[in-house]
Amino acid sequence: MSDERIWYALMHTPGPEVPAGQSVLEQPGIVEHYKFLKRRDEAGQLVAAGPLLDANGAGMTVLDVESAEEAERLAREDDLSVVAGVLEVTVRPWHVVMARR
């Protein structure tokens, strides 16, 4: 199945508010990230999300939204765990050539 589109990979790492030696998962503010994921899922924009197994506290979320600007806005303003500094995020565009969805 050939299917060309742009999705956005949100690459998450522990933010500046996570004390050294603590897991991002121990932070009360991480619940805001789960709420963000739920909102994106309910809006039909969430493709996938989960932790990266080769980096402690890192994860990736893939969004299917209209533009890089929308992906940046959602990642930096709608995810209150990023706003609070529990997570840092880098948004990367991904040209998807083949996908099941």
Protein backbone atom coordinates (compact mmCIF):
# COMPACT_ATOMS: atom_id res chain seq x y z
CA MET A 1 0.00 0.00 0.00
CA SER A 2 1.60 3.28 -1.08
CA ASP A 3 0.48 6.29 0.87
CA GLU A 4 2.38 9.59 0.97
CA ARG A 5 1.78 12.03 3.81
CA ILE A 6 3.56 14.06 6.47
CA TRP A 7 3.25 13.04 10.10
CA TYR A 8 5.05 14.73 12.99
CA ALA A 9 7.25 12.89 15.48
CA LEU A 10 7.35 14.52 18.91
CA MET A 11 10.58 13.38 20.53
CA HIS A 12 10.29 13.68 24.32
CA THR A 13 13.08 13.73 26.91
CA PRO A 14 13.06 14.55 30.63
CA GLY A 15 12.69 18.28 31.18
CA PRO A 16 14.58 20.70 33.41
CA GLU A 17 12.12 20.27 36.30
CA VAL A 18 12.97 16.57 36.73
CA PRO A 19 15.51 16.29 39.57
CA ALA A 20 18.73 14.43 38.80
CA GLY A 21 18.41 10.75 39.59
CA GLN A 22 14.61 10.73 39.41
CA SER A 23 12.45 9.21 36.72
CA VAL A 24 10.16 11.39 34.68
CA LEU A 25 7.46 8.85 35.53
CA GLU A 26 7.80 9.76 39.24
CA GLN A 27 6.83 13.38 38.55
CA PRO A 28 3.25 14.41 39.35
CA GLY A 29 3.18 16.54 36.18
CA ILE A 30 3.57 13.51 33.89
CA VAL A 31 -0.18 12.96 34.19
CA GLU A 32 -0.60 16.07 32.02
CA HIS A 33 1.27 14.28 29.22
CA TYR A 34 -1.19 11.39 29.39
CA LYS A 35 -4.08 13.87 29.24
CA PHE A 36 -2.45 15.47 26.17
CA LEU A 37 -2.24 12.05 24.48
CA LYS A 38 -5.88 11.35 25.30
CA ARG A 39 -6.97 14.71 23.80
CA ARG A 40 -4.98 14.06 20.62
CA ASP A 41 -6.46 10.55 20.38
CA GLU A 42 -10.00 11.87 20.84
CA ALA A 43 -9.31 14.47 18.11
CA GLY A 44 -8.23 11.68 15.74
CA GLN A 45 -4.67 13.07 15.53
CA LEU A 46 -2.72 10.46 17.53
CA VAL A 47 -1.01 7.82 15.40
CA ALA A 48 1.15 6.23 18.10
CA ALA A 49 2.88 7.03 21.39
CA GLY A 50 5.19 5.32 23.82
CA PRO A 51 8.55 5.19 25.58
CA LEU A 52 11.83 4.62 23.77
CA LEU A 53 13.50 1.62 25.33
CA ASP A 54 17.09 2.70 24.68
CA ALA A 55 16.96 6.02 26.58
CA ASN A 56 15.68 6.42 30.15
CA GLY A 57 12.71 8.78 30.27
CA ALA A 58 12.58 9.34 26.51
CA GLY A 59 9.54 8.73 24.34
CA MET A 60 7.96 9.47 21.00
CA THR A 61 4.51 10.58 19.95
CA VAL A 62 3.43 10.61 16.29
CA LEU A 63 0.72 13.06 15.28
CA ASP A 64 -1.21 13.34 12.03
CA VAL A 65 -2.01 17.06 11.85
CA GLU A 66 -2.30 19.61 9.05
CA SER A 67 0.98 21.52 9.49
CA ALA A 68 4.30 21.82 11.26
CA GLU A 69 2.97 24.91 12.99
CA GLU A 70 0.03 22.99 14.42
CA ALA A 71 2.30 20.16 15.57
CA GLU A 72 4.63 22.68 17.27
CA ARG A 73 1.73 24.48 18.94
CA LEU A 74 0.19 21.28 20.24
CA ALA A 75 3.54 19.91 21.43
CA ARG A 76 4.60 23.09 23.24
CA GLU A 77 1.30 24.60 24.41
CA ASP A 78 -1.32 21.83 24.69
CA ASP A 79 0.99 19.36 26.46
CA LEU A 80 1.08 20.91 29.93
CA SER A 81 3.89 18.57 31.01
CA VAL A 82 6.09 20.39 28.45
CA VAL A 83 4.82 23.79 29.62
CA ALA A 84 5.71 22.80 33.22
CA GLY A 85 9.19 21.55 32.28
CA VAL A 86 8.57 17.90 33.13
CA LEU A 87 9.24 16.99 29.50
CA GLU A 88 11.18 18.67 26.72
CA VAL A 89 10.06 18.12 23.14
CA THR A 90 11.55 18.33 19.67
CA VAL A 91 9.12 18.20 16.75
CA ARG A 92 10.35 16.49 13.59
CA PRO A 93 8.45 16.20 10.29
CA TRP A 94 8.27 12.68 8.90
CA HIS A 95 7.49 11.97 5.26
CA VAL A 96 5.56 8.73 5.47
CA VAL A 97 5.72 6.75 2.25
CA MET A 98 4.05 3.56 3.47
CA ALA A 99 1.72 2.98 6.41
CA ARG A 100 -1.14 0.71 7.42
CA ARG A 101 -3.32 3.63 8.47
